[in-house]
Amino acid sequence: MTEQEEDELRSELRATRTANAYLFLAIEALGKVVFDMPRALTTHGQEQAALQDAIRKTTLELDEALKSAAKCIWDENGNPL
């Protein structure tokens, strides 16, 4: 294996690790939504508004994490998807 091939593999590994980290954050954010949503639907008044706001913020975190992960995923030609 040439030095260039080794460098390419290291680069792909770093990108995969970064994508995995962002996907972990996305899954964590999704879990917050799943567990907070039922509470938000059964709570009233200010508590419901606060939970809905938290869910909205968490959904934005999920969206950002998924976008960041997508930037780290490459196709078979080494181009970002």
PDB file of N, CA and C in Angstrom:
ATOM      1  N   MET A   1       0.843  -1.162   0.000  1.00  0.00           N
ATOM      2  CA  MET A   1       0.000   0.000   0.000  1.00  0.00           C
ATOM      3  C   MET A   1       0.899   1.238   0.000  1.00  0.00           C
ATOM      4  N   THR A   2       0.581   2.173  -0.873  1.00  0.00           N
ATOM      5  CA  THR A   2       1.398   3.379  -0.969  1.00  0.00           C
ATOM      6  C   THR A   2       1.044   4.360   0.146  1.00  0.00           C
ATOM      7  N   GLU A   3       1.920   5.330   0.313  1.00  0.00           N
ATOM      8  CA  GLU A   3       1.688   6.353   1.339  1.00  0.00           C
ATOM      9  C   GLU A   3       0.420   7.151   1.026  1.00  0.00           C
ATOM     10  N   GLN A   4       0.191   7.406  -0.261  1.00  0.00           N
ATOM     11  CA  GLN A   4      -1.010   8.147  -0.661  1.00  0.00           C
ATOM     12  C   GLN A   4      -2.274   7.354  -0.314  1.00  0.00           C
ATOM     13  N   GLU A   5      -2.252   6.056  -0.550  1.00  0.00           N
ATOM     14  CA  GLU A   5      -3.408   5.216  -0.215  1.00  0.00           C
ATOM     15  C   GLU A   5      -3.652   5.199   1.290  1.00  0.00           C
ATOM     16  N   GLU A   6      -2.568   5.146   2.053  1.00  0.00           N
ATOM     17  CA  GLU A   6      -2.701   5.177   3.510  1.00  0.00           C
ATOM     18  C   GLU A   6      -3.301   6.504   3.967  1.00  0.00           C
ATOM     19  N   ASP A   7      -2.848   7.605   3.363  1.00  0.00           N
ATOM     20  CA  ASP A   7      -3.394   8.920   3.703  1.00  0.00           C
ATOM     21  C   ASP A   7      -4.880   8.997   3.367  1.00  0.00           C
ATOM     22  N   GLU A   8      -5.253   8.438   2.230  1.00  0.00           N
ATOM     23  CA  GLU A   8      -6.664   8.440   1.833  1.00  0.00           C
ATOM     24  C   GLU A   8      -7.512   7.629   2.813  1.00  0.00           C
ATOM     25  N   LEU A   9      -6.996   6.490   3.231  1.00  0.00           N
ATOM     26  CA  LEU A   9      -7.722   5.666   4.198  1.00  0.00           C
ATOM     27  C   LEU A   9      -7.863   6.376   5.540  1.00  0.00           C
ATOM     28  N   ARG A  10      -6.792   7.032   5.970  1.00  0.00           N
ATOM     29  CA  ARG A  10      -6.863   7.791   7.227  1.00  0.00           C
ATOM     30  C   ARG A  10      -7.894   8.910   7.121  1.00  0.00           C
ATOM     31  N   SER A  11      -7.908   9.584   5.993  1.00  0.00           N
ATOM     32  CA  SER A  11      -8.864  10.671   5.776  1.00  0.00           C
ATOM     33  C   SER A  11     -10.299  10.143   5.791  1.00  0.00           C
ATOM     34  N   GLU A  12     -10.522   9.019   5.137  1.00  0.00           N
ATOM     35  CA  GLU A  12     -11.854   8.411   5.129  1.00  0.00           C
ATOM     36  C   GLU A  12     -12.269   7.977   6.528  1.00  0.00           C
ATOM     37  N   LEU A  13     -11.328   7.443   7.284  1.00  0.00           N
ATOM     38  CA  LEU A  13     -11.615   7.020   8.650  1.00  0.00           C
ATOM     39  C   LEU A  13     -11.997   8.217   9.516  1.00  0.00           C
ATOM     40  N   ARG A  14     -11.255   9.321   9.382  1.00  0.00           N
ATOM     41  CA  ARG A  14     -11.593  10.534  10.141  1.00  0.00           C
ATOM     42  C   ARG A  14     -12.987  11.027   9.768  1.00  0.00           C
ATOM     43  N   ALA A  15     -13.298  11.038   8.482  1.00  0.00           N
ATOM     44  CA  ALA A  15     -14.614  11.495   8.034  1.00  0.00           C
ATOM     45  C   ALA A  15     -15.713  10.582   8.568  1.00  0.00           C
ATOM     46  N   THR A  16     -15.455   9.284   8.574  1.00  0.00           N
ATOM     47  CA  THR A  16     -16.440   8.332   9.090  1.00  0.00           C
ATOM     48  C   THR A  16     -16.652   8.537  10.577  1.00  0.00           C
ATOM     49  N   ARG A  17     -15.578   8.735  11.312  1.00  0.00           N
ATOM     50  CA  ARG A  17     -15.699   8.978  12.758  1.00  0.00           C
ATOM     51  C   ARG A  17     -16.471  10.263  13.027  1.00  0.00           C
ATOM     52  N   THR A  18     -16.185  11.295  12.248  1.00  0.00           N
ATOM     53  CA  THR A  18     -16.894  12.566  12.424  1.00  0.00           C
ATOM     54  C   THR A  18     -18.372  12.397  12.108  1.00  0.00           C
ATOM     55  N   ALA A  19     -18.675  11.719  11.011  1.00  0.00           N
ATOM     56  CA  ALA A  19     -20.075  11.480  10.654  1.00  0.00           C
ATOM     57  C   ALA A  19     -20.773  10.676  11.740  1.00  0.00           C
ATOM     58  N   ASN A  20     -20.096   9.666  12.267  1.00  0.00           N
ATOM     59  CA  ASN A  20     -20.684   8.861  13.341  1.00  0.00           C
ATOM     60  C   ASN A  20     -20.970   9.706  14.575  1.00  0.00           C
ATOM     61  N   ALA A  21     -20.072  10.623  14.892  1.00  0.00           N
ATOM     62  CA  ALA A  21     -20.286  11.495  16.054  1.00  0.00           C
ATOM     63  C   ALA A  21     -21.512  12.373  15.843  1.00  0.00           C
ATOM     64  N   TYR A  22     -21.646  12.936  14.646  1.00  0.00           N
ATOM     65  CA  TYR A  22     -22.819  13.764  14.365  1.00  0.00           C
ATOM     66  C   TYR A  22     -24.098  12.932  14.369  1.00  0.00           C
ATOM     67  N   LEU A  23     -24.023  11.719  13.854  1.00  0.00           N
ATOM     68  CA  LEU A  23     -25.204  10.852  13.872  1.00  0.00           C
ATOM     69  C   LEU A  23     -25.586  10.489  15.298  1.00  0.00           C
ATOM     70  N   PHE A  24     -24.597  10.286  16.169  1.00  0.00           N
ATOM     71  CA  PHE A  24     -24.887  10.029  17.575  1.00  0.00           C
ATOM     72  C   PHE A  24     -25.629  11.218  18.181  1.00  0.00           C
ATOM     73  N   LEU A  25     -25.164  12.432  17.875  1.00  0.00           N
ATOM     74  CA  LEU A  25     -25.848  13.631  18.375  1.00  0.00           C
ATOM     75  C   LEU A  25     -27.272  13.711  17.837  1.00  0.00           C
ATOM     76  N   ALA A  26     -27.452  13.334  16.573  1.00  0.00           N
ATOM     77  CA  ALA A  26     -28.789  13.358  15.987  1.00  0.00           C
ATOM     78  C   ALA A  26     -29.703  12.354  16.671  1.00  0.00           C
ATOM     79  N   ILE A  27     -29.191  11.173  16.943  1.00  0.00           N
ATOM     80  CA  ILE A  27     -29.991  10.149  17.621  1.00  0.00           C
ATOM     81  C   ILE A  27     -30.332  10.602  19.033  1.00  0.00           C
ATOM     82  N   GLU A  28     -29.375  11.226  19.697  1.00  0.00           N
ATOM     83  CA  GLU A  28     -29.616  11.740  21.047  1.00  0.00           C
ATOM     84  C   GLU A  28     -30.713  12.812  21.018  1.00  0.00           C
ATOM     85  N   ALA A  29     -30.660  13.710  20.040  1.00  0.00           N
ATOM     86  CA  ALA A  29     -31.676  14.754  19.919  1.00  0.00           C
ATOM     87  C   ALA A  29     -33.036  14.150  19.603  1.00  0.00           C
ATOM     88  N   LEU A  30     -33.057  13.157  18.746  1.00  0.00           N
ATOM     89  CA  LEU A  30     -34.314  12.492  18.413  1.00  0.00           C
ATOM     90  C   LEU A  30     -34.909  11.819  19.639  1.00  0.00           C
ATOM     91  N   GLY A  31     -34.063  11.224  20.451  1.00  0.00           N
ATOM     92  CA  GLY A  31     -34.535  10.604  21.688  1.00  0.00           C
ATOM     93  C   GLY A  31     -35.197  11.615  22.605  1.00  0.00           C
ATOM     94  N   LYS A  32     -34.633  12.820  22.681  1.00  0.00           N
ATOM     95  CA  LYS A  32     -35.248  13.866  23.496  1.00  0.00           C
ATOM     96  C   LYS A  32     -36.650  14.178  22.991  1.00  0.00           C
ATOM     97  N   VAL A  33     -36.804  14.283  21.678  1.00  0.00           N
ATOM     98  CA  VAL A  33     -38.114  14.583  21.103  1.00  0.00           C
ATOM     99  C   VAL A  33     -39.095  13.466  21.413  1.00  0.00           C
ATOM    100  N   VAL A  34     -38.668  12.237  21.242  1.00  0.00           N
ATOM    101  CA  VAL A  34     -39.553  11.090  21.464  1.00  0.00           C
ATOM    102  C   VAL A  34     -40.014  11.024  22.914  1.00  0.00           C
ATOM    103  N   PHE A  35     -39.112  11.297  23.848  1.00  0.00           N
ATOM    104  CA  PHE A  35     -39.490  11.200  25.254  1.00  0.00           C
ATOM    105  C   PHE A  35     -40.212  12.445  25.759  1.00  0.00           C
ATOM    106  N   ASP A  36     -39.923  13.608  25.192  1.00  0.00           N
ATOM    107  CA  ASP A  36     -40.571  14.834  25.653  1.00  0.00           C
ATOM    108  C   ASP A  36     -41.927  15.073  25.001  1.00  0.00           C
ATOM    109  N   MET A  37     -42.137  14.574  23.807  1.00  0.00           N
ATOM    110  CA  MET A  37     -43.389  14.836  23.089  1.00  0.00           C
ATOM    111  C   MET A  37     -44.617  14.348  23.852  1.00  0.00           C
ATOM    112  N   PRO A  38     -44.656  13.115  24.347  1.00  0.00           N
ATOM    113  CA  PRO A  38     -45.858  12.686  25.079  1.00  0.00           C
ATOM    114  C   PRO A  38     -46.146  13.564  26.290  1.00  0.00           C
ATOM    115  N   ARG A  39     -45.098  13.988  26.988  1.00  0.00           N
ATOM    116  CA  ARG A  39     -45.292  14.878  28.135  1.00  0.00           C
ATOM    117  C   ARG A  39     -45.869  16.212  27.689  1.00  0.00           C
ATOM    118  N   ALA A  40     -45.384  16.731  26.574  1.00  0.00           N
ATOM    119  CA  ALA A  40     -45.867  18.017  26.079  1.00  0.00           C
ATOM    120  C   ALA A  40     -47.336  17.935  25.696  1.00  0.00           C
ATOM    121  N   LEU A  41     -47.754  16.801  25.209  1.00  0.00           N
ATOM    122  CA  LEU A  41     -49.144  16.650  24.781  1.00  0.00           C
ATOM    123  C   LEU A  41     -50.104  16.491  25.951  1.00  0.00           C
ATOM    124  N   THR A  42     -49.609  16.055  27.095  1.00  0.00           N
ATOM    125  CA  THR A  42     -50.491  15.829  28.241  1.00  0.00           C
ATOM    126  C   THR A  42     -50.345  16.901  29.318  1.00  0.00           C
ATOM    127  N   THR A  43     -49.483  17.872  29.098  1.00  0.00           N
ATOM    128  CA  THR A  43     -49.254  18.936  30.068  1.00  0.00           C
ATOM    129  C   THR A  43     -50.015  20.177  29.612  1.00  0.00           C
ATOM    130  N   HIS A  44     -50.350  21.048  30.556  1.00  0.00           N
ATOM    131  CA  HIS A  44     -51.139  22.225  30.203  1.00  0.00           C
ATOM    132  C   HIS A  44     -50.386  23.510  30.517  1.00  0.00           C
ATOM    133  N   GLY A  45     -50.825  24.582  29.889  1.00  0.00           N
ATOM    134  CA  GLY A  45     -50.339  25.918  30.204  1.00  0.00           C
ATOM    135  C   GLY A  45     -48.882  26.153  29.891  1.00  0.00           C
ATOM    136  N   GLN A  46     -48.221  26.838  30.829  1.00  0.00           N
ATOM    137  CA  GLN A  46     -46.832  27.244  30.625  1.00  0.00           C
ATOM    138  C   GLN A  46     -45.905  26.047  30.493  1.00  0.00           C
ATOM    139  N   GLU A  47     -46.193  24.977  31.221  1.00  0.00           N
ATOM    140  CA  GLU A  47     -45.341  23.788  31.126  1.00  0.00           C
ATOM    141  C   GLU A  47     -45.378  23.223  29.711  1.00  0.00           C
ATOM    142  N   GLN A  48     -46.576  23.194  29.126  1.00  0.00           N
ATOM    143  CA  GLN A  48     -46.699  22.674  27.769  1.00  0.00           C
ATOM    144  C   GLN A  48     -45.926  23.560  26.794  1.00  0.00           C
ATOM    145  N   ALA A  49     -46.041  24.865  26.945  1.00  0.00           N
ATOM    146  CA  ALA A  49     -45.320  25.782  26.062  1.00  0.00           C
ATOM    147  C   ALA A  49     -43.810  25.596  26.207  1.00  0.00           C
ATOM    148  N   ALA A  50     -43.343  25.417  27.435  1.00  0.00           N
ATOM    149  CA  ALA A  50     -41.910  25.217  27.665  1.00  0.00           C
ATOM    150  C   ALA A  50     -41.432  23.911  27.037  1.00  0.00           C
ATOM    151  N   LEU A  51     -42.214  22.850  27.187  1.00  0.00           N
ATOM    152  CA  LEU A  51     -41.830  21.566  26.589  1.00  0.00           C
ATOM    153  C   LEU A  51     -41.852  21.641  25.068  1.00  0.00           C
ATOM    154  N   GLN A  52     -42.859  22.306  24.519  1.00  0.00           N
ATOM    155  CA  GLN A  52     -42.925  22.435  23.064  1.00  0.00           C
ATOM    156  C   GLN A  52     -41.737  23.239  22.543  1.00  0.00           C
ATOM    157  N   ASP A  53     -41.338  24.273  23.287  1.00  0.00           N
ATOM    158  CA  ASP A  53     -40.168  25.056  22.904  1.00  0.00           C
ATOM    159  C   ASP A  53     -38.908  24.189  22.956  1.00  0.00           C
ATOM    160  N   ALA A  54     -38.788  23.383  23.994  1.00  0.00           N
ATOM    161  CA  ALA A  54     -37.636  22.480  24.109  1.00  0.00           C
ATOM    162  C   ALA A  54     -37.615  21.482  22.956  1.00  0.00           C
ATOM    163  N   ILE A  55     -38.775  20.981  22.588  1.00  0.00           N
ATOM    164  CA  ILE A  55     -38.859  20.032  21.470  1.00  0.00           C
ATOM    165  C   ILE A  55     -38.469  20.726  20.170  1.00  0.00           C
ATOM    166  N   ARG A  56     -38.925  21.945  19.984  1.00  0.00           N
ATOM    167  CA  ARG A  56     -38.583  22.704  18.778  1.00  0.00           C
ATOM    168  C   ARG A  56     -37.063  22.900  18.698  1.00  0.00           C
ATOM    169  N   LYS A  57     -36.450  23.296  19.807  1.00  0.00           N
ATOM    170  CA  LYS A  57     -34.995  23.497  19.836  1.00  0.00           C
ATOM    171  C   LYS A  57     -34.252  22.185  19.582  1.00  0.00           C
ATOM    172  N   THR A  58     -34.746  21.113  20.168  1.00  0.00           N
ATOM    173  CA  THR A  58     -34.110  19.811  19.983  1.00  0.00           C
ATOM    174  C   THR A  58     -34.227  19.357  18.539  1.00  0.00           C
ATOM    175  N   THR A  59     -35.366  19.644  17.918  1.00  0.00           N
ATOM    176  CA  THR A  59     -35.552  19.295  16.512  1.00  0.00           C
ATOM    177  C   THR A  59     -34.559  20.063  15.645  1.00  0.00           C
ATOM    178  N   LEU A  60     -34.308  21.316  15.983  1.00  0.00           N
ATOM    179  CA  LEU A  60     -33.307  22.094  15.249  1.00  0.00           C
ATOM    180  C   LEU A  60     -31.911  21.505  15.446  1.00  0.00           C
ATOM    181  N   GLU A  61     -31.610  21.060  16.666  1.00  0.00           N
ATOM    182  CA  GLU A  61     -30.323  20.404  16.932  1.00  0.00           C
ATOM    183  C   GLU A  61     -30.190  19.137  16.090  1.00  0.00           C
ATOM    184  N   LEU A  62     -31.275  18.387  16.008  1.00  0.00           N
ATOM    185  CA  LEU A  62     -31.287  17.165  15.206  1.00  0.00           C
ATOM    186  C   LEU A  62     -31.003  17.491  13.749  1.00  0.00           C
ATOM    187  N   ASP A  63     -31.670  18.503  13.238  1.00  0.00           N
ATOM    188  CA  ASP A  63     -31.481  18.909  11.849  1.00  0.00           C
ATOM    189  C   ASP A  63     -30.031  19.311  11.587  1.00  0.00           C
ATOM    190  N   GLU A  64     -29.459  20.110  12.472  1.00  0.00           N
ATOM    191  CA  GLU A  64     -28.068  20.542  12.310  1.00  0.00           C
ATOM    192  C   GLU A  64     -27.102  19.359  12.382  1.00  0.00           C
ATOM    193  N   ALA A  65     -27.344  18.447  13.306  1.00  0.00           N
ATOM    194  CA  ALA A  65     -26.462  17.282  13.438  1.00  0.00           C
ATOM    195  C   ALA A  65     -26.509  16.420  12.184  1.00  0.00           C
ATOM    196  N   LEU A  66     -27.709  16.234  11.634  1.00  0.00           N
ATOM    197  CA  LEU A  66     -27.832  15.429  10.412  1.00  0.00           C
ATOM    198  C   LEU A  66     -27.162  16.119   9.225  1.00  0.00           C
ATOM    199  N   LYS A  67     -27.317  17.429   9.123  1.00  0.00           N
ATOM    200  CA  LYS A  67     -26.657  18.165   8.038  1.00  0.00           C
ATOM    201  C   LYS A  67     -25.138  18.066   8.167  1.00  0.00           C
ATOM    202  N   SER A  68     -24.639  18.190   9.390  1.00  0.00           N
ATOM    203  CA  SER A  68     -23.194  18.088   9.609  1.00  0.00           C
ATOM    204  C   SER A  68     -22.687  16.691   9.277  1.00  0.00           C
ATOM    205  N   ALA A  69     -23.453  15.677   9.654  1.00  0.00           N
ATOM    206  CA  ALA A  69     -23.058  14.302   9.335  1.00  0.00           C
ATOM    207  C   ALA A  69     -23.033  14.092   7.831  1.00  0.00           C
ATOM    208  N   ALA A  70     -24.030  14.637   7.147  1.00  0.00           N
ATOM    209  CA  ALA A  70     -24.108  14.459   5.696  1.00  0.00           C
ATOM    210  C   ALA A  70     -22.897  15.075   5.000  1.00  0.00           C
ATOM    211  N   LYS A  71     -22.365  16.160   5.540  1.00  0.00           N
ATOM    212  CA  LYS A  71     -21.191  16.795   4.938  1.00  0.00           C
ATOM    213  C   LYS A  71     -19.954  15.915   5.046  1.00  0.00           C
ATOM    214  N   CYS A  72     -19.964  14.975   5.966  1.00  0.00           N
ATOM    215  CA  CYS A  72     -18.798  14.111   6.200  1.00  0.00           C
ATOM    216  C   CYS A  72     -18.879  12.802   5.432  1.00  0.00           C
ATOM    217  N   ILE A  73     -19.999  12.552   4.791  1.00  0.00           N
ATOM    218  CA  ILE A  73     -20.184  11.278   4.095  1.00  0.00           C
ATOM    219  C   ILE A  73     -19.839  11.475   2.624  1.00  0.00           C
ATOM    220  N   TRP A  74     -18.974  10.624   2.129  1.00  0.00           N
ATOM    221  CA  TRP A  74     -18.509  10.728   0.760  1.00  0.00           C
ATOM    222  C   TRP A  74     -19.014   9.551  -0.065  1.00  0.00           C
ATOM    223  N   ASP A  75     -19.098   9.778  -1.370  1.00  0.00           N
ATOM    224  CA  ASP A  75     -19.439   8.671  -2.253  1.00  0.00           C
ATOM    225  C   ASP A  75     -18.175   7.873  -2.573  1.00  0.00           C
ATOM    226  N   GLU A  76     -18.311   6.859  -3.431  1.00  0.00           N
ATOM    227  CA  GLU A  76     -17.174   5.984  -3.728  1.00  0.00           C
ATOM    228  C   GLU A  76     -16.046   6.697  -4.474  1.00  0.00           C
ATOM    229  N   ASN A  77     -16.322   7.891  -5.030  1.00  0.00           N
ATOM    230  CA  ASN A  77     -15.294   8.655  -5.735  1.00  0.00           C
ATOM    231  C   ASN A  77     -14.639   9.719  -4.859  1.00  0.00           C
ATOM    232  N   GLY A  78     -15.014   9.747  -3.582  1.00  0.00           N
ATOM    233  CA  GLY A  78     -14.423  10.719  -2.673  1.00  0.00           C
ATOM    234  C   GLY A  78     -15.083  12.082  -2.695  1.00  0.00           C
ATOM    235  N   ASN A  79     -16.273  12.165  -3.284  1.00  0.00           N
ATOM    236  CA  ASN A  79     -17.000  13.429  -3.332  1.00  0.00           C
ATOM    237  C   ASN A  79     -18.029  13.486  -2.215  1.00  0.00           C
ATOM    238  N   PRO A  80     -18.166  14.660  -1.568  1.00  0.00           N
ATOM    239  CA  PRO A  80     -19.199  14.770  -0.530  1.00  0.00           C
ATOM    240  C   PRO A  80     -20.579  14.548  -1.136  1.00  0.00           C
ATOM    241  N   LEU A  81     -21.433  13.871  -0.390  1.00  0.00           N
ATOM    242  CA  LEU A  81     -22.791  13.633  -0.886  1.00  0.00           C
ATOM    243  C   LEU A  81     -23.655  14.843  -0.665  1.00  0.00           C
TER     244      LEU A  81
END
